[in-house]
Amino acid sequence: VGRKAEGREDRKQIKYTMAYDGFAAKLAEVLSE
């Protein structure tokens, strides 16, 4: 995401998308594309 900061390593990110009902996650997805 975004531009690489000078002097820093390239970084990859994973997105977690969840549905939260006030107690716990009813459903969660790991999204890497």
PDB file of all heavy atoms in Angstrom:
ATOM      1  N   VAL A   1       0.845  -1.190   0.000  1.00  0.00           N
ATOM      2  CA  VAL A   1       0.000   0.000   0.000  1.00  0.00           C
ATOM      3  C   VAL A   1       0.878   1.237   0.000  1.00  0.00           C
ATOM      4  O   VAL A   1       1.799   1.352   0.826  1.00  0.00           O
ATOM      5  CB  VAL A   1      -0.926   0.025   1.233  1.00  0.00           C
ATOM      6  CG1 VAL A   1      -1.798   1.281   1.210  1.00  0.00           C
ATOM      7  CG2 VAL A   1      -1.792  -1.223   1.270  1.00  0.00           C
ATOM      8  N   GLY A   2       0.624   2.150  -0.913  1.00  0.00           N
ATOM      9  CA  GLY A   2       1.364   3.410  -0.935  1.00  0.00           C
ATOM     10  C   GLY A   2       2.793   3.238  -1.419  1.00  0.00           C
ATOM     11  O   GLY A   2       3.211   2.186  -1.900  1.00  0.00           O
ATOM     12  N   ARG A   3       3.564   4.297  -1.240  1.00  0.00           N
ATOM     13  CA  ARG A   3       4.952   4.281  -1.679  1.00  0.00           C
ATOM     14  C   ARG A   3       5.869   3.793  -0.561  1.00  0.00           C
ATOM     15  O   ARG A   3       5.605   3.992   0.615  1.00  0.00           O
ATOM     16  CB  ARG A   3       5.382   5.688  -2.093  1.00  0.00           C
ATOM     17  CG  ARG A   3       4.639   6.223  -3.308  1.00  0.00           C
ATOM     18  CD  ARG A   3       5.136   7.621  -3.646  1.00  0.00           C
ATOM     19  NE  ARG A   3       4.450   8.165  -4.822  1.00  0.00           N
ATOM     20  CZ  ARG A   3       4.692   9.369  -5.321  1.00  0.00           C
ATOM     21  NH1 ARG A   3       5.596  10.153  -4.738  1.00  0.00           N
ATOM     22  NH2 ARG A   3       4.028   9.795  -6.383  1.00  0.00           N
ATOM     23  N   LYS A   4       6.957   3.188  -0.979  1.00  0.00           N
ATOM     24  CA  LYS A   4       7.956   2.731  -0.021  1.00  0.00           C
ATOM     25  C   LYS A   4       8.696   3.938   0.564  1.00  0.00           C
ATOM     26  O   LYS A   4       9.181   4.794  -0.154  1.00  0.00           O
ATOM     27  CB  LYS A   4       8.951   1.791  -0.713  1.00  0.00           C
ATOM     28  CG  LYS A   4      10.107   1.361   0.164  1.00  0.00           C
ATOM     29  CD  LYS A   4      11.105   0.547  -0.631  1.00  0.00           C
ATOM     30  CE  LYS A   4      12.360   0.253   0.180  1.00  0.00           C
ATOM     31  NZ  LYS A   4      13.358  -0.486  -0.602  1.00  0.00           N
ATOM     32  N   ALA A   5       8.763   3.991   1.906  1.00  0.00           N
ATOM     33  CA  ALA A   5       9.485   5.078   2.566  1.00  0.00           C
ATOM     34  C   ALA A   5      10.983   4.878   2.367  1.00  0.00           C
ATOM     35  O   ALA A   5      11.486   3.747   2.396  1.00  0.00           O
ATOM     36  CB  ALA A   5       9.142   5.101   4.056  1.00  0.00           C
ATOM     37  N   GLU A   6      11.698   5.961   2.153  1.00  0.00           N
ATOM     38  CA  GLU A   6      13.128   5.876   1.894  1.00  0.00           C
ATOM     39  C   GLU A   6      13.858   5.252   3.084  1.00  0.00           C
ATOM     40  O   GLU A   6      13.653   5.628   4.232  1.00  0.00           O
ATOM     41  CB  GLU A   6      13.678   7.285   1.632  1.00  0.00           C
ATOM     42  CG  GLU A   6      15.121   7.284   1.189  1.00  0.00           C
ATOM     43  CD  GLU A   6      15.610   8.672   0.833  1.00  0.00           C
ATOM     44  OE1 GLU A   6      14.763   9.594   0.760  1.00  0.00           O
ATOM     45  OE2 GLU A   6      16.821   8.826   0.641  1.00  0.00           O
ATOM     46  N   GLY A   7      14.722   4.272   2.783  1.00  0.00           N
ATOM     47  CA  GLY A   7      15.492   3.628   3.841  1.00  0.00           C
ATOM     48  C   GLY A   7      14.763   2.506   4.556  1.00  0.00           C
ATOM     49  O   GLY A   7      15.304   1.901   5.475  1.00  0.00           O
ATOM     50  N   ARG A   8      13.536   2.215   4.153  1.00  0.00           N
ATOM     51  CA  ARG A   8      12.765   1.154   4.797  1.00  0.00           C
ATOM     52  C   ARG A   8      12.563  -0.018   3.853  1.00  0.00           C
ATOM     53  O   ARG A   8      12.565   0.131   2.630  1.00  0.00           O
ATOM     54  CB  ARG A   8      11.403   1.677   5.256  1.00  0.00           C
ATOM     55  CG  ARG A   8      11.482   2.681   6.403  1.00  0.00           C
ATOM     56  CD  ARG A   8      10.094   2.968   6.924  1.00  0.00           C
ATOM     57  NE  ARG A   8      10.113   3.890   8.043  1.00  0.00           N
ATOM     58  CZ  ARG A   8       9.022   4.280   8.703  1.00  0.00           C
ATOM     59  NH1 ARG A   8       7.837   3.826   8.335  1.00  0.00           N
ATOM     60  NH2 ARG A   8       9.113   5.121   9.723  1.00  0.00           N
ATOM     61  N   GLU A   9      12.355  -1.201   4.464  1.00  0.00           N
ATOM     62  CA  GLU A   9      12.095  -2.396   3.670  1.00  0.00           C
ATOM     63  C   GLU A   9      10.687  -2.348   3.090  1.00  0.00           C
ATOM     64  O   GLU A   9       9.782  -1.739   3.661  1.00  0.00           O
ATOM     65  CB  GLU A   9      12.232  -3.646   4.550  1.00  0.00           C
ATOM     66  CG  GLU A   9      13.617  -3.908   5.080  1.00  0.00           C
ATOM     67  CD  GLU A   9      13.642  -5.186   5.896  1.00  0.00           C
ATOM     68  OE1 GLU A   9      13.393  -5.118   7.108  1.00  0.00           O
ATOM     69  OE2 GLU A   9      13.895  -6.252   5.321  1.00  0.00           O
ATOM     70  N   ASP A  10      10.518  -3.002   1.941  1.00  0.00           N
ATOM     71  CA  ASP A  10       9.169  -3.169   1.396  1.00  0.00           C
ATOM     72  C   ASP A  10       8.344  -3.983   2.380  1.00  0.00           C
ATOM     73  O   ASP A  10       8.838  -4.938   2.995  1.00  0.00           O
ATOM     74  CB  ASP A  10       9.233  -3.906   0.049  1.00  0.00           C
ATOM     75  CG  ASP A  10       9.680  -2.988  -1.072  1.00  0.00           C
ATOM     76  OD1 ASP A  10       9.424  -1.776  -0.955  1.00  0.00           O
ATOM     77  OD2 ASP A  10      10.299  -3.470  -2.034  1.00  0.00           O
ATOM     78  N   ARG A  11       7.087  -3.607   2.514  1.00  0.00           N
ATOM     79  CA  ARG A  11       6.202  -4.307   3.437  1.00  0.00           C
ATOM     80  C   ARG A  11       4.936  -4.745   2.708  1.00  0.00           C
ATOM     81  O   ARG A  11       4.398  -4.008   1.878  1.00  0.00           O
ATOM     82  CB  ARG A  11       5.838  -3.404   4.625  1.00  0.00           C
ATOM     83  CG  ARG A  11       7.033  -3.059   5.488  1.00  0.00           C
ATOM     84  CD  ARG A  11       6.671  -2.025   6.549  1.00  0.00           C
ATOM     85  NE  ARG A  11       5.789  -2.556   7.562  1.00  0.00           N
ATOM     86  CZ  ARG A  11       6.190  -3.268   8.611  1.00  0.00           C
ATOM     87  NH1 ARG A  11       7.475  -3.560   8.747  1.00  0.00           N
ATOM     88  NH2 ARG A  11       5.339  -3.696   9.509  1.00  0.00           N
ATOM     89  N   LYS A  12       4.496  -5.950   3.022  1.00  0.00           N
ATOM     90  CA  LYS A  12       3.224  -6.445   2.510  1.00  0.00           C
ATOM     91  C   LYS A  12       2.191  -6.416   3.634  1.00  0.00           C
ATOM     92  O   LYS A  12       2.537  -6.508   4.807  1.00  0.00           O
ATOM     93  CB  LYS A  12       3.376  -7.879   1.982  1.00  0.00           C
ATOM     94  CG  LYS A  12       4.090  -7.977   0.646  1.00  0.00           C
ATOM     95  CD  LYS A  12       4.069  -9.417   0.150  1.00  0.00           C
ATOM     96  CE  LYS A  12       4.745  -9.527  -1.217  1.00  0.00           C
ATOM     97  NZ  LYS A  12       4.766 -10.931  -1.701  1.00  0.00           N
ATOM     98  N   GLN A  13       0.936  -6.324   3.227  1.00  0.00           N
ATOM     99  CA  GLN A  13      -0.134  -6.263   4.216  1.00  0.00           C
ATOM    100  C   GLN A  13      -1.197  -7.307   3.922  1.00  0.00           C
ATOM    101  O   GLN A  13      -1.424  -7.695   2.777  1.00  0.00           O
ATOM    102  CB  GLN A  13      -0.770  -4.875   4.237  1.00  0.00           C
ATOM    103  CG  GLN A  13       0.207  -3.767   4.595  1.00  0.00           C
ATOM    104  CD  GLN A  13      -0.489  -2.470   4.908  1.00  0.00           C
ATOM    105  OE1 GLN A  13      -1.397  -2.429   5.735  1.00  0.00           O
ATOM    106  NE2 GLN A  13      -0.076  -1.403   4.255  1.00  0.00           N
ATOM    107  N   ILE A  14      -1.823  -7.758   4.994  1.00  0.00           N
ATOM    108  CA  ILE A  14      -2.973  -8.658   4.929  1.00  0.00           C
ATOM    109  C   ILE A  14      -4.154  -7.918   5.533  1.00  0.00           C
ATOM    110  O   ILE A  14      -4.020  -7.232   6.548  1.00  0.00           O
ATOM    111  CB  ILE A  14      -2.716  -9.962   5.711  1.00  0.00           C
ATOM    112  CG1 ILE A  14      -1.595 -10.782   5.074  1.00  0.00           C
ATOM    113  CG2 ILE A  14      -3.988 -10.798   5.830  1.00  0.00           C
ATOM    114  CD1 ILE A  14      -1.962 -11.441   3.768  1.00  0.00           C
ATOM    115  N   LYS A  15      -5.305  -8.060   4.910  1.00  0.00           N
ATOM    116  CA  LYS A  15      -6.508  -7.434   5.462  1.00  0.00           C
ATOM    117  C   LYS A  15      -7.372  -8.490   6.138  1.00  0.00           C
ATOM    118  O   LYS A  15      -7.649  -9.547   5.565  1.00  0.00           O
ATOM    119  CB  LYS A  15      -7.307  -6.733   4.351  1.00  0.00           C
ATOM    120  CG  LYS A  15      -8.644  -6.165   4.833  1.00  0.00           C
ATOM    121  CD  LYS A  15      -9.369  -5.405   3.737  1.00  0.00           C
ATOM    122  CE  LYS A  15      -8.822  -4.015   3.597  1.00  0.00           C
ATOM    123  NZ  LYS A  15      -9.642  -3.160   2.726  1.00  0.00           N
ATOM    124  N   TYR A  16      -7.770  -8.196   7.375  1.00  0.00           N
ATOM    125  CA  TYR A  16      -8.736  -9.027   8.090  1.00  0.00           C
ATOM    126  C   TYR A  16     -10.069  -8.289   8.086  1.00  0.00           C
ATOM    127  O   TYR A  16     -10.154  -7.151   8.554  1.00  0.00           O
ATOM    128  CB  TYR A  16      -8.307  -9.255   9.539  1.00  0.00           C
ATOM    129  CG  TYR A  16      -7.021 -10.042   9.696  1.00  0.00           C
ATOM    130  CD1 TYR A  16      -5.808  -9.399   9.893  1.00  0.00           C
ATOM    131  CD2 TYR A  16      -7.034 -11.434   9.668  1.00  0.00           C
ATOM    132  CE1 TYR A  16      -4.626 -10.116  10.052  1.00  0.00           C
ATOM    133  CE2 TYR A  16      -5.854 -12.160   9.821  1.00  0.00           C
ATOM    134  CZ  TYR A  16      -4.666 -11.499  10.014  1.00  0.00           C
ATOM    135  OH  TYR A  16      -3.508 -12.203  10.167  1.00  0.00           O
ATOM    136  N   THR A  17     -11.097  -8.918   7.565  1.00  0.00           N
ATOM    137  CA  THR A  17     -12.432  -8.327   7.577  1.00  0.00           C
ATOM    138  C   THR A  17     -13.324  -9.206   8.441  1.00  0.00           C
ATOM    139  O   THR A  17     -13.411 -10.414   8.221  1.00  0.00           O
ATOM    140  CB  THR A  17     -13.012  -8.205   6.164  1.00  0.00           C
ATOM    141  OG1 THR A  17     -12.130  -7.398   5.367  1.00  0.00           O
ATOM    142  CG2 THR A  17     -14.375  -7.552   6.185  1.00  0.00           C
ATOM    143  N   MET A  18     -13.951  -8.592   9.432  1.00  0.00           N
ATOM    144  CA  MET A  18     -14.730  -9.356  10.409  1.00  0.00           C
ATOM    145  C   MET A  18     -16.120  -8.771  10.586  1.00  0.00           C
ATOM    146  O   MET A  18     -16.365  -7.592  10.319  1.00  0.00           O
ATOM    147  CB  MET A  18     -14.032  -9.363  11.771  1.00  0.00           C
ATOM    148  CG  MET A  18     -12.669  -9.995  11.791  1.00  0.00           C
ATOM    149  SD  MET A  18     -12.020 -10.089  13.483  1.00  0.00           S
ATOM    150  CE  MET A  18     -10.302 -10.488  13.147  1.00  0.00           C
ATOM    151  N   ALA A  19     -17.019  -9.616  11.075  1.00  0.00           N
ATOM    152  CA  ALA A  19     -18.353  -9.205  11.478  1.00  0.00           C
ATOM    153  C   ALA A  19     -18.456  -9.445  12.985  1.00  0.00           C
ATOM    154  O   ALA A  19     -18.381 -10.584  13.437  1.00  0.00           O
ATOM    155  CB  ALA A  19     -19.404 -10.019  10.736  1.00  0.00           C
ATOM    156  N   TYR A  20     -18.589  -8.378  13.741  1.00  0.00           N
ATOM    157  CA  TYR A  20     -18.536  -8.430  15.208  1.00  0.00           C
ATOM    158  C   TYR A  20     -19.922  -8.147  15.777  1.00  0.00           C
ATOM    159  O   TYR A  20     -20.562  -7.150  15.401  1.00  0.00           O
ATOM    160  CB  TYR A  20     -17.528  -7.396  15.695  1.00  0.00           C
ATOM    161  CG  TYR A  20     -17.421  -7.250  17.195  1.00  0.00           C
ATOM    162  CD1 TYR A  20     -16.921  -8.283  17.977  1.00  0.00           C
ATOM    163  CD2 TYR A  20     -17.805  -6.066  17.822  1.00  0.00           C
ATOM    164  CE1 TYR A  20     -16.802  -8.135  19.352  1.00  0.00           C
ATOM    165  CE2 TYR A  20     -17.691  -5.909  19.187  1.00  0.00           C
ATOM    166  CZ  TYR A  20     -17.191  -6.952  19.954  1.00  0.00           C
ATOM    167  OH  TYR A  20     -17.091  -6.796  21.310  1.00  0.00           O
ATOM    168  N   ASP A  21     -20.384  -8.993  16.678  1.00  0.00           N
ATOM    169  CA  ASP A  21     -21.737  -8.842  17.223  1.00  0.00           C
ATOM    170  C   ASP A  21     -21.764  -8.328  18.662  1.00  0.00           C
ATOM    171  O   ASP A  21     -22.806  -8.397  19.332  1.00  0.00           O
ATOM    172  CB  ASP A  21     -22.496 -10.167  17.135  1.00  0.00           C
ATOM    173  CG  ASP A  21     -21.854 -11.281  17.960  1.00  0.00           C
ATOM    174  OD1 ASP A  21     -20.881 -10.995  18.693  1.00  0.00           O
ATOM    175  OD2 ASP A  21     -22.318 -12.432  17.876  1.00  0.00           O
ATOM    176  N   GLY A  22     -20.641  -7.829  19.157  1.00  0.00           N
ATOM    177  CA  GLY A  22     -20.583  -7.341  20.529  1.00  0.00           C
ATOM    178  C   GLY A  22     -20.031  -8.380  21.479  1.00  0.00           C
ATOM    179  O   GLY A  22     -19.658  -8.057  22.617  1.00  0.00           O
ATOM    180  N   PHE A  23     -19.956  -9.633  21.041  1.00  0.00           N
ATOM    181  CA  PHE A  23     -19.390 -10.714  21.836  1.00  0.00           C
ATOM    182  C   PHE A  23     -18.154 -11.292  21.166  1.00  0.00           C
ATOM    183  O   PHE A  23     -17.102 -11.455  21.779  1.00  0.00           O
ATOM    184  CB  PHE A  23     -20.444 -11.805  22.046  1.00  0.00           C
ATOM    185  CG  PHE A  23     -19.885 -13.134  22.498  1.00  0.00           C
ATOM    186  CD1 PHE A  23     -19.134 -13.224  23.657  1.00  0.00           C
ATOM    187  CD2 PHE A  23     -20.108 -14.283  21.756  1.00  0.00           C
ATOM    188  CE1 PHE A  23     -18.606 -14.444  24.069  1.00  0.00           C
ATOM    189  CE2 PHE A  23     -19.595 -15.504  22.161  1.00  0.00           C
ATOM    190  CZ  PHE A  23     -18.844 -15.582  23.322  1.00  0.00           C
ATOM    191  N   ALA A  24     -18.275 -11.593  19.897  1.00  0.00           N
ATOM    192  CA  ALA A  24     -17.163 -12.193  19.164  1.00  0.00           C
ATOM    193  C   ALA A  24     -17.401 -11.991  17.673  1.00  0.00           C
ATOM    194  O   ALA A  24     -18.402 -11.405  17.258  1.00  0.00           O
ATOM    195  CB  ALA A  24     -17.050 -13.686  19.490  1.00  0.00           C
ATOM    196  N   ALA A  25     -16.480 -12.468  16.876  1.00  0.00           N
ATOM    197  CA  ALA A  25     -16.619 -12.369  15.426  1.00  0.00           C
ATOM    198  C   ALA A  25     -17.509 -13.503  14.921  1.00  0.00           C
ATOM    199  O   ALA A  25     -17.200 -14.677  15.109  1.00  0.00           O
ATOM    200  CB  ALA A  25     -15.250 -12.438  14.749  1.00  0.00           C
ATOM    201  N   LYS A  26     -18.641 -13.142  14.325  1.00  0.00           N
ATOM    202  CA  LYS A  26     -19.524 -14.152  13.750  1.00  0.00           C
ATOM    203  C   LYS A  26     -18.900 -14.770  12.512  1.00  0.00           C
ATOM    204  O   LYS A  26     -19.151 -15.926  12.184  1.00  0.00           O
ATOM    205  CB  LYS A  26     -20.876 -13.532  13.388  1.00  0.00           C
ATOM    206  CG  LYS A  26     -21.721 -13.109  14.574  1.00  0.00           C
ATOM    207  CD  LYS A  26     -22.987 -12.416  14.126  1.00  0.00           C
ATOM    208  CE  LYS A  26     -23.961 -13.361  13.457  1.00  0.00           C
ATOM    209  NZ  LYS A  26     -24.582 -14.307  14.405  1.00  0.00           N
ATOM    210  N   LEU A  27     -18.088 -13.990  11.815  1.00  0.00           N
ATOM    211  CA  LEU A  27     -17.432 -14.469  10.606  1.00  0.00           C
ATOM    212  C   LEU A  27     -16.195 -13.611  10.376  1.00  0.00           C
ATOM    213  O   LEU A  27     -16.188 -12.421  10.683  1.00  0.00           O
ATOM    214  CB  LEU A  27     -18.374 -14.348   9.396  1.00  0.00           C
ATOM    215  CG  LEU A  27     -17.956 -15.082   8.121  1.00  0.00           C
ATOM    216  CD1 LEU A  27     -18.003 -16.590   8.329  1.00  0.00           C
ATOM    217  CD2 LEU A  27     -18.884 -14.712   6.968  1.00  0.00           C
ATOM    218  N   ALA A  28     -15.132 -14.229   9.893  1.00  0.00           N
ATOM    219  CA  ALA A  28     -13.888 -13.495   9.647  1.00  0.00           C
ATOM    220  C   ALA A  28     -13.247 -14.020   8.369  1.00  0.00           C
ATOM    221  O   ALA A  28     -13.309 -15.217   8.078  1.00  0.00           O
ATOM    222  CB  ALA A  28     -12.937 -13.651  10.824  1.00  0.00           C
ATOM    223  N   GLU A  29     -12.646 -13.127   7.622  1.00  0.00           N
ATOM    224  CA  GLU A  29     -11.972 -13.487   6.374  1.00  0.00           C
ATOM    225  C   GLU A  29     -10.555 -12.922   6.380  1.00  0.00           C
ATOM    226  O   GLU A  29     -10.317 -11.799   6.840  1.00  0.00           O
ATOM    227  CB  GLU A  29     -12.718 -12.924   5.165  1.00  0.00           C
ATOM    228  CG  GLU A  29     -14.039 -13.611   4.862  1.00  0.00           C
ATOM    229  CD  GLU A  29     -13.862 -14.938   4.145  1.00  0.00           C
ATOM    230  OE1 GLU A  29     -12.712 -15.259   3.776  1.00  0.00           O
ATOM    231  OE2 GLU A  29     -14.870 -15.630   3.941  1.00  0.00           O
ATOM    232  N   VAL A  30      -9.611 -13.715   5.842  1.00  0.00           N
ATOM    233  CA  VAL A  30      -8.245 -13.250   5.616  1.00  0.00           C
ATOM    234  C   VAL A  30      -8.133 -12.934   4.131  1.00  0.00           C
ATOM    235  O   VAL A  30      -8.308 -13.820   3.288  1.00  0.00           O
ATOM    236  CB  VAL A  30      -7.212 -14.325   6.009  1.00  0.00           C
ATOM    237  CG1 VAL A  30      -5.802 -13.830   5.715  1.00  0.00           C
ATOM    238  CG2 VAL A  30      -7.350 -14.688   7.482  1.00  0.00           C
ATOM    239  N   LEU A  31      -7.858 -11.679   3.808  1.00  0.00           N
ATOM    240  CA  LEU A  31      -7.841 -11.233   2.410  1.00  0.00           C
ATOM    241  C   LEU A  31      -6.446 -10.747   2.043  1.00  0.00           C
ATOM    242  O   LEU A  31      -5.908  -9.837   2.678  1.00  0.00           O
ATOM    243  CB  LEU A  31      -8.861 -10.108   2.206  1.00  0.00           C
ATOM    244  CG  LEU A  31     -10.296 -10.447   2.660  1.00  0.00           C
ATOM    245  CD1 LEU A  31     -11.185  -9.219   2.581  1.00  0.00           C
ATOM    246  CD2 LEU A  31     -10.866 -11.579   1.810  1.00  0.00           C
ATOM    247  N   SER A  32      -5.867 -11.357   1.019  1.00  0.00           N
ATOM    248  CA  SER A  32      -4.492 -11.033   0.655  1.00  0.00           C
ATOM    249  C   SER A  32      -4.347 -10.562  -0.786  1.00  0.00           C
ATOM    250  O   SER A  32      -3.250 -10.221  -1.216  1.00  0.00           O
ATOM    251  CB  SER A  32      -3.591 -12.263   0.866  1.00  0.00           C
ATOM    252  OG  SER A  32      -4.045 -13.364   0.102  1.00  0.00           O
ATOM    253  N   GLU A  33      -5.432 -10.530  -1.551  1.00  0.00           N
ATOM    254  CA  GLU A  33      -5.354 -10.096  -2.946  1.00  0.00           C
ATOM    255  C   GLU A  33      -5.555  -8.579  -3.029  1.00  0.00           C
ATOM    256  O   GLU A  33      -6.388  -8.020  -2.306  1.00  0.00           O
ATOM    257  CB  GLU A  33      -6.419 -10.816  -3.771  1.00  0.00           C
ATOM    258  CG  GLU A  33      -6.235 -12.327  -3.809  1.00  0.00           C
ATOM    259  CD  GLU A  33      -7.354 -13.026  -4.545  1.00  0.00           C
ATOM    260  OE1 GLU A  33      -8.081 -12.331  -5.296  1.00  0.00           O
ATOM    261  OE2 GLU A  33      -7.516 -14.243  -4.375  1.00  0.00           O
TER     262      GLU A  33
END
